[in-house]
Protein backbone atom coordinates (compact mmCIF):
# COMPACT_ATOMS: atom_id res chain seq x y z
CA MET A 1 33.63 -47.19 -12.39
CA LYS A 2 30.81 -49.63 -11.79
CA ASN A 3 28.52 -49.28 -8.88
CA SER A 4 29.77 -50.97 -5.67
CA PRO A 5 28.61 -54.57 -5.06
CA PHE A 6 26.37 -53.48 -2.20
CA SER A 7 22.77 -53.79 -3.12
CA PHE A 8 20.50 -51.73 -0.94
CA LYS A 9 17.06 -50.57 0.04
CA TRP A 10 16.02 -47.25 1.31
CA GLU A 11 15.87 -48.33 4.83
CA GLY A 12 17.80 -48.34 8.11
CA VAL A 13 20.06 -45.67 9.50
CA MET A 14 21.76 -43.50 6.85
CA PRO A 15 24.24 -41.03 8.39
CA ALA A 16 24.55 -37.61 6.68
CA ILE A 17 28.30 -37.88 7.17
CA THR A 18 30.46 -35.00 8.22
CA THR A 19 33.52 -34.06 6.19
CA GLN A 20 36.70 -34.07 8.43
CA PHE A 21 39.24 -31.32 8.05
CA THR A 22 42.77 -30.73 9.35
CA ALA A 23 43.72 -27.76 11.33
CA ASP A 24 45.05 -26.11 8.09
CA ASN A 25 41.69 -26.57 6.27
CA GLN A 26 42.58 -29.74 4.24
CA LEU A 27 40.59 -32.96 3.92
CA ASP A 28 41.48 -35.33 6.82
CA LEU A 29 40.86 -38.73 5.17
CA VAL A 30 42.21 -40.61 8.16
CA ALA A 31 39.61 -39.15 10.42
CA PHE A 32 36.96 -39.48 7.76
CA LYS A 33 37.63 -43.15 7.27
CA LYS A 34 37.56 -43.70 11.04
CA ASN A 35 34.07 -42.21 11.18
CA LEU A 36 32.86 -44.16 8.13
CA ASN A 37 33.88 -47.46 9.72
CA ALA A 38 32.30 -46.53 13.00
CA GLN A 39 29.03 -46.01 11.25
CA VAL A 40 29.08 -49.29 9.31
CA ASN A 41 30.20 -51.30 12.29
CA ALA A 42 27.30 -49.83 14.34
CA GLY A 43 24.79 -51.09 11.68
CA ALA A 44 24.41 -48.11 9.36
CA SER A 45 22.84 -49.15 6.00
CA GLY A 46 24.11 -46.25 3.88
CA ILE A 47 26.31 -43.21 3.92
CA ILE A 48 25.02 -39.90 2.52
CA LEU A 49 27.74 -37.61 1.14
CA GLY A 50 27.66 -33.85 0.40
CA GLY A 51 24.87 -32.65 2.55
CA THR A 52 24.68 -29.70 4.96
CA LEU A 53 26.57 -31.70 7.60
CA GLY A 54 29.23 -32.54 4.94
CA GLU A 55 29.85 -28.87 4.35
CA ALA A 56 29.32 -29.50 0.68
CA SER A 57 28.93 -25.84 -0.22
CA THR A 58 32.59 -25.27 0.80
CA LEU A 59 33.97 -28.28 -1.03
CA THR A 60 35.68 -28.18 -4.44
CA PRO A 61 34.56 -30.58 -7.14
CA ASP A 62 37.89 -32.46 -6.72
CA GLU A 63 37.23 -32.80 -2.94
CA LYS A 64 33.74 -34.10 -3.52
CA ASN A 65 35.13 -36.71 -5.99
CA THR A 66 37.77 -37.69 -3.43
CA LEU A 67 35.16 -38.15 -0.73
CA VAL A 68 33.00 -40.30 -3.07
CA ALA A 69 35.98 -42.46 -4.15
CA THR A 70 37.31 -42.87 -0.55
CA THR A 71 33.82 -43.85 0.72
CA LEU A 72 33.28 -46.46 -2.04
CA LYS A 73 36.73 -48.00 -1.37
CA GLU A 74 36.36 -47.92 2.46
CA VAL A 75 32.82 -49.14 3.01
CA GLY A 76 31.22 -49.52 -0.45
CA ALA A 77 30.98 -53.31 -0.03
CA LYS A 78 29.07 -52.96 3.25
CA ALA A 79 26.82 -49.93 2.89
CA ALA A 80 25.15 -47.92 0.20
CA VAL A 81 27.01 -44.76 -0.93
CA VAL A 82 24.53 -41.96 -1.56
CA LEU A 83 25.48 -38.55 -2.94
CA ASN A 84 23.55 -35.36 -2.19
CA ILE A 85 22.61 -33.19 -5.26
CA ALA A 86 21.95 -29.59 -4.26
CA GLU A 87 22.55 -27.39 -7.32
CA GLN A 88 21.25 -24.06 -8.57
CA SER A 89 20.54 -25.00 -12.21
CA THR A 90 18.87 -28.09 -13.76
CA GLN A 91 21.87 -28.67 -15.98
CA ASP A 92 24.30 -28.59 -13.06
CA ALA A 93 22.05 -31.06 -11.18
CA VAL A 94 21.84 -33.51 -14.24
CA GLU A 95 25.70 -33.28 -14.55
CA ALA A 96 26.24 -33.90 -10.88
CA ALA A 97 23.91 -36.97 -11.02
CA GLN A 98 25.67 -38.42 -14.06
CA ASN A 99 29.04 -37.85 -12.42
CA ALA A 100 27.95 -39.60 -9.31
CA GLU A 101 26.71 -42.58 -11.34
CA ALA A 102 30.04 -42.72 -13.28
CA GLN A 103 31.98 -42.73 -10.02
CA GLY A 104 30.03 -45.71 -8.79
CA ALA A 105 27.56 -44.20 -6.36
CA ASN A 106 24.55 -46.34 -5.32
CA GLY A 107 21.96 -43.65 -5.11
CA LEU A 108 21.19 -39.88 -4.94
CA MET A 109 19.53 -37.55 -2.45
CA LEU A 110 17.91 -34.73 -4.49
CA LEU A 111 17.06 -31.28 -3.12
CA PRO A 112 14.77 -28.76 -5.00
CA PRO A 113 16.57 -26.03 -6.88
CA MET A 114 18.80 -23.95 -4.61
CA ARG A 115 18.43 -20.21 -4.10
CA TYR A 116 15.47 -19.76 -6.53
CA LYS A 117 12.13 -20.45 -4.97
CA ALA A 118 10.72 -22.64 -7.80
CA THR A 119 7.03 -23.05 -8.43
CA ASP A 120 5.46 -26.55 -8.00
CA ARG A 121 5.66 -27.04 -11.74
CA GLU A 122 9.24 -25.89 -11.98
CA THR A 123 10.31 -28.14 -9.02
CA VAL A 124 8.58 -31.25 -10.60
CA ALA A 125 10.29 -30.47 -13.90
CA TYR A 126 13.65 -30.14 -12.17
CA PHE A 127 13.28 -33.53 -10.42
CA LYS A 128 11.99 -35.21 -13.60
CA ALA A 129 15.03 -33.93 -15.60
CA VAL A 130 17.44 -35.46 -13.04
CA ALA A 131 15.56 -38.70 -12.95
CA LYS A 132 15.65 -39.06 -16.71
CA ALA A 133 19.38 -38.45 -16.77
CA THR A 134 20.42 -41.28 -14.43
CA SER A 135 19.54 -44.84 -13.63
CA LEU A 136 20.38 -44.32 -9.94
CA PRO A 137 17.62 -44.60 -7.35
CA ILE A 138 16.65 -41.10 -6.09
CA MET A 139 15.44 -39.91 -2.67
CA ILE A 140 13.66 -36.54 -2.76
CA TYR A 141 14.58 -34.34 0.17
CA ASN A 142 11.32 -32.65 1.29
CA ASN A 143 12.27 -29.91 3.71
CA PRO A 144 10.12 -26.80 3.33
CA VAL A 145 11.29 -25.44 6.62
CA ASP A 146 14.81 -24.82 5.54
CA TYR A 147 14.45 -24.73 1.73
CA LYS A 148 11.07 -22.95 1.44
CA ILE A 149 9.80 -25.40 -1.10
CA GLU A 150 7.40 -28.19 -0.05
CA VAL A 151 6.98 -31.19 -2.21
CA THR A 152 3.26 -31.85 -1.88
CA LEU A 153 1.28 -35.07 -2.37
CA GLU A 154 0.08 -33.78 -5.77
CA MET A 155 3.77 -33.24 -6.74
CA PHE A 156 4.69 -36.81 -5.69
CA ASP A 157 1.74 -37.95 -7.70
CA ALA A 158 3.26 -36.43 -10.83
CA LEU A 159 6.65 -37.93 -9.99
CA LYS A 160 5.61 -41.49 -9.22
CA LYS A 161 5.80 -42.58 -12.89
CA HIS A 162 9.58 -42.17 -12.70
CA THR A 163 10.52 -45.52 -11.11
CA ASN A 164 13.92 -44.39 -9.96
CA ILE A 165 12.34 -41.74 -7.79
CA ASN A 166 11.58 -44.13 -4.97
CA ALA A 167 12.18 -42.51 -1.61
CA VAL A 168 11.57 -39.43 0.39
CA LYS A 169 13.54 -37.81 3.10
CA GLU A 170 10.71 -36.56 5.22
CA SER A 171 11.65 -33.34 6.91
CA THR A 172 8.38 -31.37 6.86
CA ARG A 173 8.33 -31.56 10.72
CA ASP A 174 4.77 -32.86 10.41
CA ILE A 175 4.62 -36.43 11.59
CA THR A 176 1.11 -36.93 10.13
CA ASN A 177 2.75 -36.66 6.71
CA ILE A 178 3.99 -40.20 7.13
CA THR A 179 0.40 -41.39 7.28
CA ARG A 180 -0.63 -39.11 4.41
CA MET A 181 2.10 -40.52 2.17
CA ARG A 182 1.22 -44.13 3.12
CA SER A 183 -2.49 -43.56 2.61
CA ARG A 184 -1.95 -41.95 -0.82
CA PHE A 185 0.92 -44.05 -2.19
CA GLY A 186 1.18 -47.21 -0.04
CA ASP A 187 4.79 -48.50 -0.33
CA ARG A 188 5.45 -46.75 -3.63
CA PHE A 189 7.88 -44.40 -1.88
CA ALA A 190 10.19 -45.43 0.96
CA LEU A 191 10.03 -42.91 3.76
CA LEU A 192 13.05 -41.81 5.77
CA CYS A 193 12.82 -39.42 8.69
CA GLY A 194 15.16 -36.47 8.17
CA VAL A 195 14.66 -34.69 11.55
CA ASP A 196 16.61 -36.16 14.50
CA THR A 197 14.13 -34.94 17.10
CA LEU A 198 11.23 -36.66 15.46
CA ALA A 199 12.89 -39.94 14.51
CA MET A 200 11.28 -42.29 16.94
CA GLU A 201 7.86 -40.93 16.26
CA ALA A 202 8.41 -41.23 12.53
CA LEU A 203 9.65 -44.81 12.79
CA VAL A 204 6.78 -45.84 14.99
CA MET A 205 4.36 -44.37 12.41
CA GLY A 206 5.92 -46.52 9.72
CA ALA A 207 9.00 -44.72 8.36
CA ASP A 208 11.44 -47.12 6.77
CA GLY A 209 14.59 -45.43 7.94
CA TRP A 210 16.38 -42.44 9.38
CA VAL A 211 18.70 -39.96 7.67
CA ALA A 212 20.48 -39.03 10.91
CA GLY A 213 22.85 -36.22 12.09
CA LEU A 214 23.92 -37.00 15.59
CA VAL A 215 24.75 -40.43 14.45
CA ASP A 216 28.01 -39.03 13.25
CA ALA A 217 29.16 -38.88 16.93
CA TYR A 218 26.81 -41.54 18.35
CA PRO A 219 26.40 -44.27 15.81
CA GLU A 220 25.61 -47.12 18.20
CA GLU A 221 22.85 -45.19 20.02
CA THR A 222 21.21 -44.13 16.67
CA CYS A 223 21.34 -47.58 15.27
CA ALA A 224 20.05 -49.10 18.56
CA ILE A 225 16.95 -46.84 18.44
CA TYR A 226 16.16 -47.94 14.96
CA HIS A 227 16.66 -51.69 15.46
CA TYR A 228 14.89 -51.82 18.79
CA ILE A 229 11.87 -50.10 17.20
CA LYS A 230 11.85 -52.42 14.23
CA ALA A 231 12.13 -55.42 16.56
CA GLY A 232 9.17 -54.11 18.66
CA GLU A 233 11.33 -53.40 21.77
CA LEU A 234 9.80 -49.91 22.10
CA ASN A 235 10.72 -49.46 25.80
CA LYS A 236 14.34 -49.98 25.06
CA ALA A 237 14.31 -47.57 22.23
CA LEU A 238 12.41 -45.01 24.28
CA GLU A 239 14.91 -45.16 27.07
CA ILE A 240 17.73 -44.32 24.56
CA TYR A 241 15.69 -41.66 22.83
CA ARG A 242 14.95 -39.85 26.06
CA TRP A 243 18.58 -39.86 26.99
CA PHE A 244 19.50 -38.80 23.40
CA MET A 245 17.04 -35.95 23.09
CA PRO A 246 19.24 -33.02 24.39
CA LEU A 247 21.83 -34.09 21.92
CA LEU A 248 19.46 -34.59 19.09
CA GLU A 249 18.30 -31.05 19.58
CA LEU A 250 21.70 -29.82 18.61
CA ASP A 251 20.78 -31.00 15.04
CA ILE A 252 17.92 -28.40 14.71
CA SER A 253 20.12 -25.37 14.90
CA PRO A 254 21.82 -23.10 12.30
CA GLN A 255 25.04 -24.24 13.95
CA LEU A 256 24.38 -27.91 13.62
CA VAL A 257 27.66 -28.59 11.97
CA GLN A 258 29.71 -27.00 14.74
CA ASN A 259 27.47 -28.71 17.35
CA ILE A 260 27.84 -32.12 15.99
CA LYS A 261 31.61 -31.77 15.35
CA LEU A 262 31.99 -30.93 19.00
CA CYS A 263 30.12 -34.19 19.85
CA GLU A 264 32.47 -36.11 17.44
CA VAL A 265 35.45 -34.77 19.36
CA ALA A 266 33.93 -36.03 22.62
CA THR A 267 33.42 -39.53 21.25
CA GLY A 268 36.67 -39.64 19.27
CA LEU A 269 35.04 -39.74 15.89
CA GLY A 270 36.17 -36.28 14.52
CA THR A 271 38.66 -33.54 14.44
CA GLY A 272 36.20 -30.77 15.30
CA HIS A 273 37.36 -28.47 12.59
CA VAL A 274 34.95 -26.64 10.36
CA ARG A 275 35.57 -24.79 7.14
CA PRO A 276 34.81 -21.05 6.85
CA PRO A 277 32.51 -19.17 6.61
CA ARG A 278 31.59 -21.44 9.56
CA LEU A 279 33.73 -20.72 12.57
CA PRO A 280 34.14 -22.74 15.79
CA LEU A 281 31.71 -21.92 18.59
CA GLU A 282 33.02 -19.84 21.55
CA GLY A 283 32.12 -18.36 24.77
CA LYS A 284 28.68 -19.14 26.31
CA GLU A 285 27.50 -20.69 23.00
CA GLU A 286 30.37 -23.26 23.00
CA GLN A 287 29.92 -23.88 26.75
CA ALA A 288 26.26 -24.60 26.42
CA VAL A 289 26.95 -27.29 23.85
CA LEU A 290 29.85 -28.75 25.93
CA ASP A 291 27.59 -28.98 28.96
CA ILE A 292 24.95 -30.95 27.09
CA ILE A 293 27.65 -33.38 25.77
CA ALA A 294 29.28 -33.73 29.27
CA THR A 295 25.91 -34.66 30.89
CA ALA A 296 25.17 -37.16 28.12
CA MET A 297 28.64 -38.69 28.36
CA LYS A 298 28.23 -39.19 32.12
CA THR A 299 24.87 -40.93 31.76
CA ARG A 300 25.56 -43.03 28.63
CA LEU A 301 23.51 -46.28 28.53
CA ASP A 302 24.53 -49.83 28.01
CA ILE A 303 23.06 -50.73 24.63
CA SER A 304 25.27 -53.55 23.52
CA ASP A 305 22.52 -56.05 23.00
CA TYR A 306 20.86 -54.21 20.13
CA LYS A 307 23.41 -55.83 17.82
CA LYS A 308 21.51 -59.15 18.04
CA HIS A 309 19.11 -57.45 15.64
CA LEU A 310 21.70 -56.61 12.99
């Protein structure tokens, strides 16, 4: 399969899309496609498949292939289709990248080796091996908080000669890293914020885009913040961001998948079902999330004019 006709840049809002399941633990492609189209209609520039929010660790290879094919068919002419690569071995990562390219994906989001805490040298070698094995553009996911491996400036210096490594999902939680990357590399790497609660700060500091989580339930609010900032309408963006923050904080939790899927139910963009070992929230934990959602839904803002910037 050839790549979809959509030519993209690493910029804009790129939802880390959730995988929708039925009550009996099967893929719910009807609900999945409804969410995909809501993202694109709101102004998302790309869809990232197979991340943590996509519950990729619980999906079979056939299910992953089905999600890629469905996304390409449904929105591939309107938004980039990016597959997350999070494998334990270099060979598995290479094969996953090549399979994604054969299916027609537009790009890859690449994590460091999973489980094994690789050294800097080993991590760079892993990234280089994948880059050499595919022609697809690659976004390195830099998240030392969750994955215990930081991709340092020196490591990016070693990677810059690989022209298809051309973006970074910046999740170090250190906003000054945006400036450090720009000062060291200029525009060599596109920078996308990967932490919902730091998105406005990162975008104001010059990030090119936002790999978002709560966008799965609130695509218009997320895209509005991005487009208002890029248009210089910071006061409008800030008003939405302040309203959004209690919801955005649901993304920085070990139960982010359950949290966000509850939000999707509230906005009609998901089934709410998660796949074991994840279990639905219950008791006080569930009620706390439902209270945050209820407050947000009662005070939702009119943001319809942001679409003039699309």
